[in-house]
Amino acid sequence: MEASQSPPRVGVVLLNWNGGADTIPCIASLQRGTVKPWRIVVVDNASTDTSPDDILNKFPDVQLVRNPTNVGFAPGNNIGIRLLCEARADYIWILNNDTEVAPDCLEQLINTMERDPAIGAASAKILFVDPSNHIWYAGGHWNSKILQARHIGERELDRGQYDRAGDTEFLSGCCMFIRRSAIERIGAFADEFFIYMEDSDWCQRAAKEGIRLYYAPSAVLIHKVSAAMKRNTLGAAGGRISARFIYLTTRNQLWIIRRYGASGAKKFRAILHLLPLYLRTLIVTTGLLRWGKTRALLTGIRDGFRQ
């Protein structure tokens, strides 16, 4: 981006759920950037702590939306996306609040998009905060046989092996830098997913419409990975995953298969691929007498085959 040019209007959407300890450092990192966002919208999903007021006291220029109930990841982000589209932002940056961006992250994302107007959306290289210098996301692959997305390079030590920019098949909802025109063309996230795999659904809709997705490794951020879910749901989960997680991931994966399996045979093959996972989960949860998790799995399967 030329120094004489005014930067495009970039609006950031951050979702907060009792997460001031994450959201505040995230905003601070954005404001330390070589290019600063034009607007930051924090959508609070009915936090029960003081984090909404803490955020506003620390950053009075942030636009804060207070939801009376927790509407979920997809609908919550859609509120911010809608506000920024109405305000005519050039780009909407969907960013997890449990991230911190490198000083030139936004500048690099803008440069990527401005150099090639054919790119509809891009993402950065995303590293774990712990272990540091290990990759969480370095582009994404869509497996058309089992109808699932995977991160490229996940858990590998970052040695620069994924520093080549280029088109990619999947962008993680942790960091999606989207042209407003792409959102106006295919819409935002599908509300019904609530959380999990709404990014896979959006990327598949984009691919069907010929919208290019791009991986820009010169833009870097670190990610604490599911900090909000760990903070808010795992205390009474009876293990490392909650019943809610089991239900939503099971249901949403089946929805993805039903939506994007091109034929009955492809849908059947993708479901067969999931059966060992379902059986293992069933054996473990019943063996440990985690009846709530067993019910979550079975209910997720049932609802996955519903509309």
Protein backbone atom coordinates (compact mmCIF):
# COMPACT_ATOMS: atom_id res chain seq x y z
CA MET A 1 0.00 0.00 0.00
CA GLU A 2 1.48 3.33 -1.06
CA ALA A 3 2.16 5.80 1.73
CA SER A 4 0.25 8.51 -0.13
CA GLN A 5 -2.89 6.39 -0.34
CA SER A 6 -5.52 6.40 2.34
CA PRO A 7 -6.09 2.82 3.50
CA PRO A 8 -9.33 1.04 2.68
CA ARG A 9 -12.00 1.01 5.34
CA VAL A 10 -11.50 -2.21 7.31
CA GLY A 11 -14.06 -3.17 9.92
CA VAL A 12 -13.19 -5.83 12.48
CA VAL A 13 -15.78 -8.08 14.13
CA LEU A 14 -14.84 -9.53 17.52
CA LEU A 15 -17.14 -11.80 19.51
CA ASN A 16 -16.88 -11.56 23.29
CA TRP A 17 -18.24 -14.03 25.83
CA ASN A 18 -16.89 -13.41 29.32
CA GLY A 19 -13.59 -12.86 27.54
CA GLY A 20 -12.12 -9.51 28.50
CA ALA A 21 -8.79 -11.17 29.29
CA ASP A 22 -8.60 -12.15 25.60
CA THR A 23 -10.55 -9.39 23.85
CA ILE A 24 -8.64 -6.48 25.41
CA PRO A 25 -5.17 -7.73 24.32
CA CYS A 26 -6.60 -8.52 20.88
CA ILE A 27 -7.87 -4.95 20.43
CA ALA A 28 -4.60 -3.56 21.79
CA SER A 29 -2.66 -5.54 19.20
CA LEU A 30 -4.92 -4.21 16.43
CA GLN A 31 -4.34 -0.64 17.60
CA ARG A 32 -0.55 -1.14 17.62
CA GLY A 33 -0.63 -2.05 13.96
CA THR A 34 1.18 -0.23 11.16
CA VAL A 35 -2.32 0.21 9.71
CA LYS A 36 -5.21 0.48 12.14
CA PRO A 37 -8.76 -0.73 11.54
CA TRP A 38 -11.27 1.86 10.44
CA ARG A 39 -13.81 0.45 12.89
CA ILE A 40 -13.95 -2.32 15.51
CA VAL A 41 -17.28 -3.87 16.44
CA VAL A 42 -17.38 -6.02 19.57
CA VAL A 43 -20.48 -8.19 19.77
CA ASP A 44 -21.00 -9.35 23.35
CA ASN A 45 -22.86 -12.64 23.71
CA ALA A 46 -24.60 -12.03 27.05
CA SER A 47 -21.47 -12.02 29.20
CA THR A 48 -22.12 -12.40 32.90
CA ASP A 49 -18.84 -10.78 33.96
CA THR A 50 -17.71 -7.17 33.65
CA SER A 51 -15.91 -7.68 30.35
CA PRO A 52 -18.27 -5.57 28.16
CA ASP A 53 -17.81 -2.52 30.41
CA ASP A 54 -14.09 -3.23 30.80
CA ILE A 55 -13.68 -3.26 27.01
CA LEU A 56 -15.63 -0.04 26.56
CA ASN A 57 -13.75 1.73 29.36
CA LYS A 58 -10.43 0.72 27.86
CA PHE A 59 -11.41 1.40 24.24
CA PRO A 60 -14.23 4.00 24.12
CA ASP A 61 -14.09 4.20 20.32
CA VAL A 62 -15.08 0.55 19.92
CA GLN A 63 -18.67 -0.08 18.86
CA LEU A 64 -20.14 -2.47 21.44
CA VAL A 65 -23.27 -4.51 20.79
CA ARG A 66 -24.81 -6.19 23.84
CA ASN A 67 -26.85 -9.29 23.06
CA PRO A 68 -29.39 -10.21 25.76
CA THR A 69 -28.72 -13.92 25.10
CA ASN A 70 -25.82 -15.93 23.73
CA VAL A 71 -26.81 -16.25 20.09
CA GLY A 72 -23.72 -18.25 19.10
CA PHE A 73 -20.68 -17.70 16.92
CA ALA A 74 -22.33 -17.53 13.52
CA PRO A 75 -25.31 -15.28 14.41
CA GLY A 76 -23.13 -13.14 16.69
CA ASN A 77 -20.59 -12.45 13.98
CA ASN A 78 -23.41 -11.82 11.51
CA ILE A 79 -24.62 -8.92 13.67
CA GLY A 80 -21.23 -7.24 13.35
CA ILE A 81 -20.96 -8.12 9.66
CA ARG A 82 -24.33 -6.53 8.97
CA LEU A 83 -23.40 -3.33 10.81
CA LEU A 84 -20.15 -3.00 8.87
CA CYS A 85 -21.79 -3.71 5.53
CA GLU A 86 -24.39 -1.05 6.27
CA ALA A 87 -21.56 1.36 7.13
CA ARG A 88 -19.97 0.56 3.73
CA ALA A 89 -16.73 -0.95 4.99
CA ASP A 90 -14.50 -2.07 2.13
CA TYR A 91 -13.39 -5.17 4.01
CA ILE A 92 -14.85 -7.08 6.93
CA TRP A 93 -12.31 -8.86 9.10
CA ILE A 94 -13.85 -11.68 11.14
CA LEU A 95 -11.31 -12.31 13.88
CA ASN A 96 -11.40 -14.50 16.96
CA ASN A 97 -11.05 -12.49 20.14
CA ASP A 98 -8.49 -14.97 21.50
CA THR A 99 -5.90 -13.85 18.94
CA GLU A 100 -3.20 -11.21 18.83
CA VAL A 101 -2.03 -9.90 15.48
CA ALA A 102 1.47 -9.02 14.34
CA PRO A 103 2.01 -5.25 13.85
CA ASP A 104 1.91 -5.52 10.05
CA CYS A 105 -0.83 -8.19 9.86
CA LEU A 106 -3.57 -5.86 8.67
CA GLU A 107 -1.23 -4.06 6.30
CA GLN A 108 -0.22 -7.36 4.70
CA LEU A 109 -3.84 -8.50 4.32
CA ILE A 110 -4.80 -5.20 2.70
CA ASN A 111 -1.82 -5.38 0.33
CA THR A 112 -2.80 -8.91 -0.67
CA MET A 113 -6.37 -7.95 -1.49
CA GLU A 114 -5.54 -4.66 -3.18
CA ARG A 115 -2.97 -6.27 -5.47
CA ASP A 116 -5.51 -8.73 -6.83
CA PRO A 117 -9.15 -7.61 -6.96
CA ALA A 118 -10.16 -11.13 -8.00
CA ILE A 119 -9.51 -12.42 -4.47
CA GLY A 120 -12.75 -12.50 -2.49
CA ALA A 121 -11.42 -13.42 0.93
CA ALA A 122 -8.08 -14.18 2.56
CA SER A 123 -6.58 -15.47 5.77
CA ALA A 124 -3.28 -15.13 7.59
CA LYS A 125 -0.78 -17.67 8.86
CA ILE A 126 -2.05 -18.56 12.33
CA LEU A 127 0.32 -19.82 15.03
CA PHE A 128 -0.39 -21.39 18.40
CA VAL A 129 0.44 -19.17 21.34
CA ASP A 130 1.59 -22.37 23.08
CA PRO A 131 3.62 -24.12 21.83
CA SER A 132 4.95 -20.97 20.23
CA ASN A 133 6.12 -21.04 16.62
CA HIS A 134 3.93 -24.04 15.88
CA ILE A 135 1.36 -23.74 13.12
CA TRP A 136 -2.37 -23.85 13.72
CA TYR A 137 -3.38 -22.84 10.16
CA ALA A 138 -1.32 -22.38 7.00
CA GLY A 139 -4.02 -22.63 4.39
CA GLY A 140 -6.79 -25.18 4.17
CA HIS A 141 -7.73 -28.24 2.15
CA TRP A 142 -11.24 -29.42 1.34
CA ASN A 143 -11.49 -33.20 1.11
CA SER A 144 -14.27 -33.79 -1.39
CA LYS A 145 -14.40 -37.52 -0.58
CA ILE A 146 -15.26 -37.17 3.10
CA LEU A 147 -16.61 -33.60 2.81
CA GLN A 148 -14.41 -32.16 5.54
CA ALA A 149 -11.94 -29.29 5.74
CA ARG A 150 -8.53 -29.59 7.35
CA HIS A 151 -5.80 -27.11 8.24
CA ILE A 152 -2.55 -27.42 6.35
CA GLY A 153 0.55 -27.66 8.55
CA GLU A 154 -1.33 -27.97 11.84
CA ARG A 155 1.01 -28.56 14.82
CA GLU A 156 4.14 -28.42 12.67
CA LEU A 157 7.03 -26.23 13.76
CA ASP A 158 6.99 -23.12 11.58
CA ARG A 159 10.23 -23.23 9.58
CA GLY A 160 8.90 -21.19 6.69
CA GLN A 161 7.74 -24.30 4.83
CA TYR A 162 4.32 -22.74 4.24
CA ASP A 163 5.40 -19.22 3.36
CA ARG A 164 4.21 -19.37 -0.23
CA ALA A 165 1.06 -17.35 -0.82
CA GLY A 166 -1.67 -18.69 -3.04
CA ASP A 167 -5.24 -19.83 -3.49
CA THR A 168 -6.63 -22.11 -0.82
CA GLU A 169 -9.75 -24.23 -0.43
CA PHE A 170 -10.69 -23.30 3.13
CA LEU A 171 -10.47 -20.24 5.39
CA SER A 172 -10.83 -20.69 9.12
CA GLY A 173 -13.44 -18.58 10.88
CA CYS A 174 -10.67 -17.60 13.28
CA CYS A 175 -9.45 -15.10 10.65
CA MET A 176 -11.43 -14.29 7.52
CA PHE A 177 -10.64 -11.06 5.69
CA ILE A 178 -13.54 -10.62 3.28
CA ARG A 179 -14.47 -8.06 0.63
CA ARG A 180 -17.82 -6.54 1.34
CA SER A 181 -18.80 -7.34 -2.25
CA ALA A 182 -18.28 -11.07 -1.56
CA ILE A 183 -20.58 -10.94 1.45
CA GLU A 184 -23.16 -9.00 -0.53
CA ARG A 185 -22.96 -11.68 -3.19
CA ILE A 186 -23.32 -14.88 -1.12
CA GLY A 187 -24.29 -13.66 2.34
CA ALA A 188 -22.65 -14.04 5.73
CA PHE A 189 -22.55 -17.16 7.91
CA ALA A 190 -25.56 -19.48 8.08
CA ASP A 191 -27.15 -18.72 11.46
CA GLU A 192 -28.41 -22.26 11.97
CA PHE A 193 -24.90 -23.64 12.51
CA PHE A 194 -24.63 -21.63 15.77
CA ILE A 195 -20.94 -22.55 16.11
CA TYR A 196 -18.59 -24.96 14.30
CA MET A 197 -18.34 -25.54 10.54
CA GLU A 198 -20.09 -22.33 9.61
CA ASP A 199 -16.74 -21.42 8.00
CA SER A 200 -16.73 -24.64 5.94
CA ASP A 201 -20.26 -23.86 4.78
CA TRP A 202 -19.32 -20.28 3.82
CA CYS A 203 -16.22 -21.40 1.93
CA GLN A 204 -18.18 -24.00 -0.02
CA ARG A 205 -20.78 -21.41 -0.98
CA ALA A 206 -17.96 -19.12 -2.08
CA ALA A 207 -16.37 -21.87 -4.16
CA LYS A 208 -19.68 -22.60 -5.88
CA GLU A 209 -19.91 -18.93 -6.88
CA GLY A 210 -16.32 -18.77 -8.12
CA ILE A 211 -15.11 -16.52 -5.27
CA ARG A 212 -11.37 -16.97 -4.79
CA LEU A 213 -10.05 -17.77 -1.33
CA TYR A 214 -6.42 -16.93 -0.57
CA TYR A 215 -3.73 -17.73 1.98
CA ALA A 216 -1.41 -14.80 2.81
CA PRO A 217 1.47 -16.07 5.02
CA SER A 218 3.09 -12.63 5.24
CA ALA A 219 0.22 -11.74 7.59
CA VAL A 220 0.72 -13.49 10.95
CA LEU A 221 -1.24 -13.81 14.17
CA ILE A 222 -1.20 -16.01 17.25
CA HIS A 223 -4.20 -17.92 18.54
CA LYS A 224 -5.05 -19.18 22.03
CA VAL A 225 -7.43 -21.77 20.46
CA SER A 226 -10.97 -22.09 21.86
CA ALA A 227 -10.26 -19.92 24.88
CA ALA A 228 -13.91 -18.86 25.29
CA MET A 229 -15.26 -22.41 25.11
CA LYS A 230 -12.68 -23.68 27.59
CA ARG A 231 -13.44 -20.83 29.99
CA ASN A 232 -17.21 -21.01 29.81
CA THR A 233 -18.19 -24.65 29.20
CA LEU A 234 -15.56 -27.11 30.37
CA GLY A 235 -15.74 -26.56 34.11
CA ALA A 236 -18.68 -28.93 34.47
CA ALA A 237 -18.05 -30.93 31.31
CA GLY A 238 -16.60 -34.00 32.97
CA GLY A 239 -13.61 -34.12 30.64
CA ARG A 240 -11.87 -32.13 27.94
CA ILE A 241 -14.93 -31.71 25.72
CA SER A 242 -18.48 -30.75 26.59
CA ALA A 243 -21.77 -32.36 25.64
CA ARG A 244 -22.62 -29.17 23.74
CA PHE A 245 -19.46 -29.57 21.65
CA ILE A 246 -20.33 -33.18 20.83
CA TYR A 247 -23.88 -32.27 19.83
CA LEU A 248 -22.98 -29.30 17.63
CA THR A 249 -20.02 -30.86 15.83
CA THR A 250 -21.99 -34.06 15.15
CA ARG A 251 -25.08 -32.25 13.87
CA ASN A 252 -23.18 -29.68 11.83
CA GLN A 253 -20.89 -32.21 10.15
CA LEU A 254 -23.93 -34.15 8.99
CA TRP A 255 -25.47 -30.92 7.72
CA ILE A 256 -22.31 -30.23 5.70
CA ILE A 257 -22.44 -33.71 4.19
CA ARG A 258 -26.08 -33.34 3.27
CA ARG A 259 -25.53 -29.90 1.73
CA TYR A 260 -22.37 -30.57 -0.25
CA GLY A 261 -22.45 -34.24 -1.13
CA ALA A 262 -22.98 -34.14 -4.88
CA SER A 263 -24.68 -37.53 -4.92
CA GLY A 264 -26.20 -40.07 -2.59
CA ALA A 265 -23.12 -42.25 -2.97
CA LYS A 266 -20.80 -39.41 -1.89
CA LYS A 267 -22.97 -38.61 1.10
CA PHE A 268 -23.02 -42.26 2.12
CA ARG A 269 -19.22 -42.55 1.83
CA ALA A 270 -18.71 -39.42 3.94
CA ILE A 271 -21.08 -40.70 6.63
CA LEU A 272 -19.28 -44.07 6.68
CA HIS A 273 -16.05 -42.18 7.36
CA LEU A 274 -17.62 -40.69 10.51
CA LEU A 275 -18.99 -43.97 11.89
CA PRO A 276 -15.76 -45.03 13.70
CA LEU A 277 -15.65 -41.65 15.44
CA TYR A 278 -19.28 -41.98 16.52
CA LEU A 279 -18.70 -45.52 17.78
CA ARG A 280 -15.59 -44.52 19.75
CA THR A 281 -17.45 -41.60 21.30
CA LEU A 282 -20.39 -43.83 22.20
CA ILE A 283 -18.14 -46.45 23.81
CA VAL A 284 -16.15 -43.90 25.80
CA THR A 285 -19.09 -41.83 27.02
CA THR A 286 -21.18 -44.84 28.06
CA GLY A 287 -18.15 -46.54 29.63
CA LEU A 288 -17.49 -43.45 31.75
CA LEU A 289 -21.22 -43.05 32.49
CA ARG A 290 -21.26 -39.65 30.77
CA TRP A 291 -24.92 -40.04 29.85
CA GLY A 292 -25.32 -36.38 28.91
CA LYS A 293 -22.59 -36.75 26.31
CA THR A 294 -24.09 -40.00 25.02
CA ARG A 295 -27.44 -38.24 24.58
CA ALA A 296 -25.67 -35.32 22.89
CA LEU A 297 -24.12 -37.64 20.32
CA LEU A 298 -27.36 -39.45 19.55
CA THR A 299 -29.36 -36.22 19.42
CA GLY A 300 -26.72 -34.67 17.14
CA ILE A 301 -27.03 -37.62 14.76
CA ARG A 302 -30.83 -37.35 14.80
CA ASP A 303 -30.85 -33.61 14.20
CA GLY A 304 -28.12 -33.89 11.56
CA PHE A 305 -30.56 -35.80 9.37
CA ARG A 306 -33.32 -33.25 9.92
CA GLN A 307 -33.78 -30.13 7.82
